Amino acid sequence: MKRWLVLIIVCLAGVLAFGYLGQVITSYTSPASTYTRGLAMAAGVLYVVDSNSPGIVYRTNPSTGSVSGWFTLPFNGSPSGLAYTSGGNYLWVGVPSNDFVYRCNASTGSVYGSWSAGHDPSGLAPLGTGDGGAGATQLFTSDNAPPRFYRHYISDGSIVSSITISPSDYDCAYDWRNNLLWIGAGDYIRGYTMSGTVTGSFATPEAADPRGLAYYGSYLYVGCSNNGRIYVVHCPQDFVGIAAASMGRIKSFYR
């Protein structure tokens, strides 16, 4: 029996050394406060969109939340959903009120083009082969009516495919290491396979309504509207989910 306990302890220690799915690394106040509706990550920059019309995009330090710059989006409508692609240094902004996705300069917000998603693009994420939307030729969008996520060609917005999901009109993030699309809704953030199966989930930090998501470097950045904070959450490759509540039960088992 003791040998089994030692084995469990060693395995658990190994998992915790690398962090577990949903573990909060740090958090800070969002510059968009409770109006945070989308996040996007580039190398060294976390973009945060404020949903007031016209929207404001902030460039922030992803470790501390300090603001290095901002610009007002040159179109009307409350933005919801944000994505970054490194090819061309583009920000993609969704506007559910007119169903359009805008391709903008990530430094100035100038609009280079747009296309109609054919639905409310409440969440955006690049389908790429690396961090910061590297190698992206398609964009994910998430919608609540009906509850689905869509894959669009970046070039013209035409729909490649769509999958039914749990209701969500929030932002999404593509985890290329695990090939999962993470979508927040209420108290949980869930990871969907490309066929629509949930293979991972964790509780939203402080049950704070996750309205913005971005993925970079095995972390999820979660912007919450209930308390106006951004959380940096561990999202490892080939993760093993160990919830905080489980830790208490394991410790009790060893007594």
C-alpha atoms as a PDB file:
ATOM      1  CA  MET A   1       0.000   0.000   0.000  1.00  0.00           C
ATOM      2  CA  LYS A   2       2.795   2.391   0.875  1.00  0.00           C
ATOM      3  CA  ARG A   3       4.464   1.714  -2.463  1.00  0.00           C
ATOM      4  CA  TRP A   4       1.248   2.777  -4.262  1.00  0.00           C
ATOM      5  CA  LEU A   5       1.080   5.937  -2.186  1.00  0.00           C
ATOM      6  CA  VAL A   6       4.667   6.804  -3.058  1.00  0.00           C
ATOM      7  CA  LEU A   7       3.958   6.231  -6.757  1.00  0.00           C
ATOM      8  CA  ILE A   8       0.881   8.478  -6.636  1.00  0.00           C
ATOM      9  CA  ILE A   9       2.819  11.191  -4.801  1.00  0.00           C
ATOM     10  CA  VAL A  10       5.667  11.076  -7.340  1.00  0.00           C
ATOM     11  CA  CYS A  11       3.259  11.267 -10.289  1.00  0.00           C
ATOM     12  CA  LEU A  12       1.341  14.105  -8.694  1.00  0.00           C
ATOM     13  CA  ALA A  13       4.530  16.010  -7.937  1.00  0.00           C
ATOM     14  CA  GLY A  14       5.595  15.668 -11.564  1.00  0.00           C
ATOM     15  CA  VAL A  15       2.313  17.057 -12.817  1.00  0.00           C
ATOM     16  CA  LEU A  16       2.337  19.976 -10.385  1.00  0.00           C
ATOM     17  CA  ALA A  17       5.945  20.820 -11.266  1.00  0.00           C
ATOM     18  CA  PHE A  18       4.763  21.607 -14.768  1.00  0.00           C
ATOM     19  CA  GLY A  19       1.454  23.094 -13.652  1.00  0.00           C
ATOM     20  CA  TYR A  20      -2.021  21.721 -14.155  1.00  0.00           C
ATOM     21  CA  LEU A  21      -4.775  22.723 -16.550  1.00  0.00           C
ATOM     22  CA  GLY A  22      -6.587  25.802 -15.258  1.00  0.00           C
ATOM     23  CA  GLN A  23      -3.917  26.771 -12.719  1.00  0.00           C
ATOM     24  CA  VAL A  24      -3.906  30.572 -12.330  1.00  0.00           C
ATOM     25  CA  ILE A  25      -0.371  31.921 -12.707  1.00  0.00           C
ATOM     26  CA  THR A  26      -1.195  35.593 -12.178  1.00  0.00           C
ATOM     27  CA  SER A  27      -3.943  38.157 -12.748  1.00  0.00           C
ATOM     28  CA  TYR A  28      -4.278  41.919 -13.173  1.00  0.00           C
ATOM     29  CA  THR A  29      -6.848  44.595 -13.974  1.00  0.00           C
ATOM     30  CA  SER A  30      -7.913  44.824 -17.623  1.00  0.00           C
ATOM     31  CA  PRO A  31      -7.607  48.280 -19.227  1.00  0.00           C
ATOM     32  CA  ALA A  32     -11.076  47.670 -20.698  1.00  0.00           C
ATOM     33  CA  SER A  33     -12.422  46.841 -17.229  1.00  0.00           C
ATOM     34  CA  THR A  34     -15.788  45.027 -17.375  1.00  0.00           C
ATOM     35  CA  TYR A  35     -16.116  45.871 -21.093  1.00  0.00           C
ATOM     36  CA  THR A  36     -13.402  43.368 -22.066  1.00  0.00           C
ATOM     37  CA  ARG A  37     -14.803  41.369 -25.016  1.00  0.00           C
ATOM     38  CA  GLY A  38     -11.765  39.969 -26.794  1.00  0.00           C
ATOM     39  CA  LEU A  39      -8.059  39.182 -26.364  1.00  0.00           C
ATOM     40  CA  ALA A  40      -5.319  38.423 -28.899  1.00  0.00           C
ATOM     41  CA  MET A  41      -1.655  37.550 -28.382  1.00  0.00           C
ATOM     42  CA  ALA A  42       1.406  38.477 -30.413  1.00  0.00           C
ATOM     43  CA  ALA A  43       5.046  38.136 -29.389  1.00  0.00           C
ATOM     44  CA  GLY A  44       5.333  40.223 -26.233  1.00  0.00           C
ATOM     45  CA  VAL A  45       1.979  41.994 -26.685  1.00  0.00           C
ATOM     46  CA  LEU A  46      -1.501  41.184 -25.403  1.00  0.00           C
ATOM     47  CA  TYR A  47      -4.224  43.072 -27.285  1.00  0.00           C
ATOM     48  CA  VAL A  48      -7.414  43.859 -25.361  1.00  0.00           C
ATOM     49  CA  VAL A  49     -10.588  45.155 -27.014  1.00  0.00           C
ATOM     50  CA  ASP A  50     -13.123  47.377 -25.244  1.00  0.00           C
ATOM     51  CA  SER A  51     -16.677  46.739 -26.467  1.00  0.00           C
ATOM     52  CA  ASN A  52     -17.883  50.323 -26.244  1.00  0.00           C
ATOM     53  CA  SER A  53     -18.757  51.809 -29.639  1.00  0.00           C
ATOM     54  CA  PRO A  54     -16.501  52.755 -31.312  1.00  0.00           C
ATOM     55  CA  GLY A  55     -14.229  50.150 -29.765  1.00  0.00           C
ATOM     56  CA  ILE A  56     -10.788  50.743 -28.325  1.00  0.00           C
ATOM     57  CA  VAL A  57      -7.883  48.308 -28.627  1.00  0.00           C
ATOM     58  CA  TYR A  58      -5.160  48.399 -25.970  1.00  0.00           C
ATOM     59  CA  ARG A  59      -1.628  47.052 -26.364  1.00  0.00           C
ATOM     60  CA  THR A  60      -0.520  45.645 -23.021  1.00  0.00           C
ATOM     61  CA  ASN A  61       2.285  43.728 -21.345  1.00  0.00           C
ATOM     62  CA  PRO A  62       0.991  40.130 -21.051  1.00  0.00           C
ATOM     63  CA  SER A  63       2.821  39.602 -17.739  1.00  0.00           C
ATOM     64  CA  THR A  64       1.768  42.764 -15.901  1.00  0.00           C
ATOM     65  CA  GLY A  65      -1.126  44.297 -17.834  1.00  0.00           C
ATOM     66  CA  SER A  66       0.630  47.661 -18.196  1.00  0.00           C
ATOM     67  CA  VAL A  67      -0.591  49.611 -21.248  1.00  0.00           C
ATOM     68  CA  SER A  68       1.976  50.563 -23.893  1.00  0.00           C
ATOM     69  CA  GLY A  69      -0.466  52.132 -26.369  1.00  0.00           C
ATOM     70  CA  TRP A  70      -4.014  52.162 -27.674  1.00  0.00           C
ATOM     71  CA  PHE A  71      -6.126  53.180 -30.679  1.00  0.00           C
ATOM     72  CA  THR A  72      -9.793  53.703 -31.473  1.00  0.00           C
ATOM     73  CA  LEU A  73     -11.234  51.405 -34.139  1.00  0.00           C
ATOM     74  CA  PRO A  74     -12.354  53.384 -37.216  1.00  0.00           C
ATOM     75  CA  PHE A  75     -15.786  51.777 -37.539  1.00  0.00           C
ATOM     76  CA  ASN A  76     -19.013  51.778 -35.574  1.00  0.00           C
ATOM     77  CA  GLY A  77     -20.455  48.863 -33.655  1.00  0.00           C
ATOM     78  CA  SER A  78     -19.456  47.160 -30.430  1.00  0.00           C
ATOM     79  CA  PRO A  79     -16.513  44.814 -31.140  1.00  0.00           C
ATOM     80  CA  SER A  80     -16.540  41.303 -29.683  1.00  0.00           C
ATOM     81  CA  GLY A  81     -13.781  38.856 -30.502  1.00  0.00           C
ATOM     82  CA  LEU A  82     -10.170  39.553 -31.420  1.00  0.00           C
ATOM     83  CA  ALA A  83      -7.452  37.567 -33.204  1.00  0.00           C
ATOM     84  CA  TYR A  84      -3.857  38.256 -34.250  1.00  0.00           C
ATOM     85  CA  THR A  85      -2.002  36.775 -37.216  1.00  0.00           C
ATOM     86  CA  SER A  86       1.718  37.356 -37.617  1.00  0.00           C
ATOM     87  CA  GLY A  87       1.648  37.229 -41.416  1.00  0.00           C
ATOM     88  CA  GLY A  88       1.115  40.911 -42.211  1.00  0.00           C
ATOM     89  CA  ASN A  89       0.844  41.979 -38.546  1.00  0.00           C
ATOM     90  CA  TYR A  90      -2.961  41.929 -38.624  1.00  0.00           C
ATOM     91  CA  LEU A  91      -5.628  42.213 -35.968  1.00  0.00           C
ATOM     92  CA  TRP A  92      -8.990  40.681 -36.813  1.00  0.00           C
ATOM     93  CA  VAL A  93     -11.984  42.264 -35.087  1.00  0.00           C
ATOM     94  CA  GLY A  94     -15.526  40.854 -34.966  1.00  0.00           C
ATOM     95  CA  VAL A  95     -18.618  43.086 -34.862  1.00  0.00           C
ATOM     96  CA  PRO A  96     -21.778  41.052 -34.103  1.00  0.00           C
ATOM     97  CA  SER A  97     -24.159  43.939 -34.841  1.00  0.00           C
ATOM     98  CA  ASN A  98     -23.373  43.769 -38.577  1.00  0.00           C
ATOM     99  CA  ASP A  99     -21.841  40.231 -38.791  1.00  0.00           C
ATOM    100  CA  PHE A 100     -18.547  41.604 -40.166  1.00  0.00           C
ATOM    101  CA  VAL A 101     -14.938  40.694 -39.431  1.00  0.00           C
ATOM    102  CA  TYR A 102     -12.424  43.493 -40.042  1.00  0.00           C
ATOM    103  CA  ARG A 103      -8.742  43.087 -40.935  1.00  0.00           C
ATOM    104  CA  CYS A 104      -6.824  45.882 -39.226  1.00  0.00           C
ATOM    105  CA  ASN A 105      -3.262  47.100 -38.845  1.00  0.00           C
ATOM    106  CA  ALA A 106      -2.172  45.830 -35.422  1.00  0.00           C
ATOM    107  CA  SER A 107      -0.252  49.053 -34.707  1.00  0.00           C
ATOM    108  CA  THR A 108      -2.738  51.709 -35.840  1.00  0.00           C
ATOM    109  CA  GLY A 109      -6.135  50.040 -36.286  1.00  0.00           C
ATOM    110  CA  SER A 110      -6.370  51.128 -39.931  1.00  0.00           C
ATOM    111  CA  VAL A 111      -8.765  48.863 -41.838  1.00  0.00           C
ATOM    112  CA  TYR A 112      -7.293  46.885 -44.740  1.00  0.00           C
ATOM    113  CA  GLY A 113     -10.424  44.910 -45.558  1.00  0.00           C
ATOM    114  CA  SER A 114     -13.463  43.075 -44.191  1.00  0.00           C
ATOM    115  CA  TRP A 115     -15.856  40.238 -44.937  1.00  0.00           C
ATOM    116  CA  SER A 116     -19.257  39.109 -43.736  1.00  0.00           C
ATOM    117  CA  ALA A 117     -19.161  36.075 -41.450  1.00  0.00           C
ATOM    118  CA  GLY A 118     -22.823  35.287 -42.126  1.00  0.00           C
ATOM    119  CA  HIS A 119     -23.466  35.087 -38.375  1.00  0.00           C
ATOM    120  CA  ASP A 120     -22.550  36.975 -35.192  1.00  0.00           C
ATOM    121  CA  PRO A 121     -18.726  36.717 -34.899  1.00  0.00           C
ATOM    122  CA  SER A 122     -18.687  37.025 -31.105  1.00  0.00           C
ATOM    123  CA  GLY A 123     -15.348  35.243 -30.745  1.00  0.00           C
ATOM    124  CA  LEU A 124     -12.289  35.008 -33.007  1.00  0.00           C
ATOM    125  CA  ALA A 125      -9.152  32.854 -33.010  1.00  0.00           C
ATOM    126  CA  PRO A 126      -6.475  32.088 -35.629  1.00  0.00           C
ATOM    127  CA  LEU A 127      -6.153  28.488 -36.821  1.00  0.00           C
ATOM    128  CA  GLY A 128      -2.361  28.484 -37.048  1.00  0.00           C
ATOM    129  CA  THR A 129       0.651  26.247 -36.624  1.00  0.00           C
ATOM    130  CA  GLY A 130       2.410  28.312 -33.973  1.00  0.00           C
ATOM    131  CA  ASP A 131       2.004  31.016 -31.346  1.00  0.00           C
ATOM    132  CA  GLY A 132       0.710  34.423 -32.369  1.00  0.00           C
ATOM    133  CA  GLY A 133      -1.272  33.040 -35.291  1.00  0.00           C
ATOM    134  CA  ALA A 134       1.830  31.885 -37.159  1.00  0.00           C
ATOM    135  CA  GLY A 135       0.932  30.000 -40.325  1.00  0.00           C
ATOM    136  CA  ALA A 136      -2.758  30.881 -40.086  1.00  0.00           C
ATOM    137  CA  THR A 137      -4.862  30.577 -43.238  1.00  0.00           C
ATOM    138  CA  GLN A 138      -8.180  30.221 -41.427  1.00  0.00           C
ATOM    139  CA  LEU A 139     -10.034  31.905 -38.569  1.00  0.00           C
ATOM    140  CA  PHE A 140     -12.348  30.370 -36.006  1.00  0.00           C
ATOM    141  CA  THR A 141     -15.468  32.281 -35.008  1.00  0.00           C
ATOM    142  CA  SER A 142     -17.916  31.415 -32.238  1.00  0.00           C
ATOM    143  CA  ASP A 143     -21.614  32.282 -32.122  1.00  0.00           C
ATOM    144  CA  ASN A 144     -24.575  31.714 -29.824  1.00  0.00           C
ATOM    145  CA  ALA A 145     -27.518  31.742 -32.243  1.00  0.00           C
ATOM    146  CA  PRO A 146     -27.293  28.905 -33.046  1.00  0.00           C
ATOM    147  CA  PRO A 147     -24.487  27.790 -30.699  1.00  0.00           C
ATOM    148  CA  ARG A 148     -21.722  26.796 -33.124  1.00  0.00           C
ATOM    149  CA  PHE A 149     -18.127  27.467 -34.000  1.00  0.00           C
ATOM    150  CA  TYR A 150     -17.142  28.127 -37.605  1.00  0.00           C
ATOM    151  CA  ARG A 151     -13.955  27.918 -39.634  1.00  0.00           C
ATOM    152  CA  HIS A 152     -13.488  30.646 -42.249  1.00  0.00           C
ATOM    153  CA  TYR A 153     -10.836  31.202 -44.886  1.00  0.00           C
ATOM    154  CA  ILE A 154      -8.977  34.369 -43.926  1.00  0.00           C
ATOM    155  CA  SER A 155      -8.853  35.553 -47.523  1.00  0.00           C
ATOM    156  CA  ASP A 156     -12.575  36.000 -48.150  1.00  0.00           C
ATOM    157  CA  GLY A 157     -14.442  34.741 -45.077  1.00  0.00           C
ATOM    158  CA  SER A 158     -16.022  31.767 -46.810  1.00  0.00           C
ATOM    159  CA  ILE A 159     -17.026  29.037 -44.351  1.00  0.00           C
ATOM    160  CA  VAL A 160     -14.950  25.843 -44.370  1.00  0.00           C
ATOM    161  CA  SER A 161     -16.960  23.986 -41.721  1.00  0.00           C
ATOM    162  CA  SER A 162     -19.032  24.441 -38.560  1.00  0.00           C
ATOM    163  CA  ILE A 163     -19.622  22.400 -35.400  1.00  0.00           C
ATOM    164  CA  THR A 164     -22.380  22.545 -32.778  1.00  0.00           C
ATOM    165  CA  ILE A 165     -21.148  23.497 -29.304  1.00  0.00           C
ATOM    166  CA  SER A 166     -22.610  24.398 -25.930  1.00  0.00           C
ATOM    167  CA  PRO A 167     -24.158  27.902 -25.959  1.00  0.00           C
ATOM    168  CA  SER A 168     -21.441  30.530 -26.195  1.00  0.00           C
ATOM    169  CA  ASP A 169     -21.368  34.062 -27.545  1.00  0.00           C
ATOM    170  CA  TYR A 170     -17.950  34.697 -26.032  1.00  0.00           C
ATOM    171  CA  ASP A 171     -14.411  34.888 -27.365  1.00  0.00           C
ATOM    172  CA  CYS A 172     -12.417  31.744 -28.233  1.00  0.00           C
ATOM    173  CA  ALA A 173      -8.754  30.702 -28.448  1.00  0.00           C
ATOM    174  CA  TYR A 174      -7.022  28.068 -30.586  1.00  0.00           C
ATOM    175  CA  ASP A 175      -4.477  25.874 -28.774  1.00  0.00           C
ATOM    176  CA  TRP A 176      -2.305  24.536 -31.596  1.00  0.00           C
ATOM    177  CA  ARG A 177      -0.233  22.340 -29.274  1.00  0.00           C
ATOM    178  CA  ASN A 178      -3.285  20.265 -28.287  1.00  0.00           C
ATOM    179  CA  ASN A 179      -5.318  21.074 -31.442  1.00  0.00           C
ATOM    180  CA  LEU A 180      -8.229  22.356 -29.335  1.00  0.00           C
ATOM    181  CA  LEU A 181     -10.510  25.358 -29.513  1.00  0.00           C
ATOM    182  CA  TRP A 182     -11.105  26.797 -26.043  1.00  0.00           C
ATOM    183  CA  ILE A 183     -14.415  28.581 -25.476  1.00  0.00           C
ATOM    184  CA  GLY A 184     -15.655  30.151 -22.266  1.00  0.00           C
ATOM    185  CA  ALA A 185     -19.264  30.184 -21.133  1.00  0.00           C
ATOM    186  CA  GLY A 186     -20.350  31.179 -17.647  1.00  0.00           C
ATOM    187  CA  ASP A 187     -18.466  29.232 -14.989  1.00  0.00           C
ATOM    188  CA  TYR A 188     -16.417  26.976 -17.292  1.00  0.00           C
ATOM    189  CA  ILE A 189     -13.881  27.100 -20.110  1.00  0.00           C
ATOM    190  CA  ARG A 190     -14.021  24.034 -22.355  1.00  0.00           C
ATOM    191  CA  GLY A 191     -11.637  22.642 -24.957  1.00  0.00           C
ATOM    192  CA  TYR A 192     -13.296  21.319 -28.131  1.00  0.00           C
ATOM    193  CA  THR A 193     -11.754  18.999 -30.693  1.00  0.00           C
ATOM    194  CA  MET A 194     -12.270  19.748 -34.370  1.00  0.00           C
ATOM    195  CA  SER A 195     -15.203  17.312 -34.335  1.00  0.00           C
ATOM    196  CA  GLY A 196     -16.908  19.154 -31.473  1.00  0.00           C
ATOM    197  CA  THR A 197     -16.048  16.788 -28.600  1.00  0.00           C
ATOM    198  CA  VAL A 198     -15.094  18.302 -25.240  1.00  0.00           C
ATOM    199  CA  THR A 199     -11.803  16.775 -24.066  1.00  0.00           C
ATOM    200  CA  GLY A 200     -10.795  19.261 -21.361  1.00  0.00           C
ATOM    201  CA  SER A 201     -12.418  21.832 -19.129  1.00  0.00           C
ATOM    202  CA  PHE A 202     -11.752  23.876 -16.018  1.00  0.00           C
ATOM    203  CA  ALA A 203     -13.629  26.329 -13.848  1.00  0.00           C
ATOM    204  CA  THR A 204     -13.422  29.991 -14.822  1.00  0.00           C
ATOM    205  CA  PRO A 205     -11.202  31.818 -12.310  1.00  0.00           C
ATOM    206  CA  GLU A 206     -13.434  33.287  -9.593  1.00  0.00           C
ATOM    207  CA  ALA A 207     -16.503  32.411 -11.713  1.00  0.00           C
ATOM    208  CA  ALA A 208     -15.905  35.734 -13.412  1.00  0.00           C
ATOM    209  CA  ASP A 209     -17.595  35.299 -16.857  1.00  0.00           C
ATOM    210  CA  PRO A 210     -14.839  34.731 -19.495  1.00  0.00           C
ATOM    211  CA  ARG A 211     -15.524  37.237 -22.291  1.00  0.00           C
ATOM    212  CA  GLY A 212     -12.021  37.245 -23.768  1.00  0.00           C
ATOM    213  CA  LEU A 213      -9.601  34.392 -24.567  1.00  0.00           C
ATOM    214  CA  ALA A 214      -6.169  34.142 -26.169  1.00  0.00           C
ATOM    215  CA  TYR A 215      -3.572  31.342 -26.302  1.00  0.00           C
ATOM    216  CA  TYR A 216       0.209  31.713 -26.333  1.00  0.00           C
ATOM    217  CA  GLY A 217       3.133  29.686 -25.012  1.00  0.00           C
ATOM    218  CA  SER A 218       1.068  26.999 -23.233  1.00  0.00           C
ATOM    219  CA  TYR A 219      -1.011  29.618 -21.422  1.00  0.00           C
ATOM    220  CA  LEU A 220      -4.542  30.878 -21.816  1.00  0.00           C
ATOM    221  CA  TYR A 221      -5.220  34.545 -21.199  1.00  0.00           C
ATOM    222  CA  VAL A 222      -8.743  34.974 -19.848  1.00  0.00           C
ATOM    223  CA  GLY A 223     -10.479  38.368 -19.713  1.00  0.00           C
ATOM    224  CA  CYS A 224     -13.521  38.436 -17.429  1.00  0.00           C
ATOM    225  CA  SER A 225     -16.440  40.855 -17.481  1.00  0.00           C
ATOM    226  CA  ASN A 226     -17.743  40.285 -13.948  1.00  0.00           C
ATOM    227  CA  ASN A 227     -14.693  41.727 -12.235  1.00  0.00           C
ATOM    228  CA  GLY A 228     -12.741  43.389 -15.059  1.00  0.00           C
ATOM    229  CA  ARG A 229      -9.615  41.262 -14.597  1.00  0.00           C
ATOM    230  CA  ILE A 230      -7.348  39.258 -16.905  1.00  0.00           C
ATOM    231  CA  TYR A 231      -6.044  35.877 -15.717  1.00  0.00           C
ATOM    232  CA  VAL A 232      -3.001  34.021 -17.023  1.00  0.00           C
ATOM    233  CA  VAL A 233      -3.927  30.335 -16.807  1.00  0.00           C
ATOM    234  CA  HIS A 234      -1.737  27.282 -17.359  1.00  0.00           C
ATOM    235  CA  CYS A 235      -2.690  25.205 -20.437  1.00  0.00           C
ATOM    236  CA  PRO A 236       0.054  22.603 -20.935  1.00  0.00           C
ATOM    237  CA  GLN A 237       0.538  20.258 -23.866  1.00  0.00           C
ATOM    238  CA  ASP A 238      -0.921  16.783 -23.239  1.00  0.00           C
ATOM    239  CA  PHE A 239      -2.462  18.196 -20.081  1.00  0.00           C
ATOM    240  CA  VAL A 240      -3.711  16.307 -17.072  1.00  0.00           C
ATOM    241  CA  GLY A 241      -6.457  18.268 -15.357  1.00  0.00           C
ATOM    242  CA  ILE A 242      -6.148  18.392 -11.584  1.00  0.00           C
ATOM    243  CA  ALA A 243      -8.681  20.696 -10.003  1.00  0.00           C
ATOM    244  CA  ALA A 244      -7.910  22.494  -6.761  1.00  0.00           C
ATOM    245  CA  ALA A 245     -10.785  20.630  -5.061  1.00  0.00           C
ATOM    246  CA  SER A 246      -9.153  17.318  -5.955  1.00  0.00           C
ATOM    247  CA  MET A 247      -6.003  18.352  -4.134  1.00  0.00           C
ATOM    248  CA  GLY A 248      -7.912  18.479  -0.857  1.00  0.00           C
ATOM    249  CA  ARG A 249      -9.257  14.968  -1.366  1.00  0.00           C
ATOM    250  CA  ILE A 250      -5.796  13.636  -2.227  1.00  0.00           C
ATOM    251  CA  LYS A 251      -4.270  15.199   0.895  1.00  0.00           C
ATOM    252  CA  SER A 252      -7.031  13.660   3.006  1.00  0.00           C
ATOM    253  CA  PHE A 253      -6.269  10.260   1.471  1.00  0.00           C
ATOM    254  CA  TYR A 254      -2.679  10.458   2.707  1.00  0.00           C
ATOM    255  CA  ARG A 255      -3.565  11.233   6.323  1.00  0.00           C
END
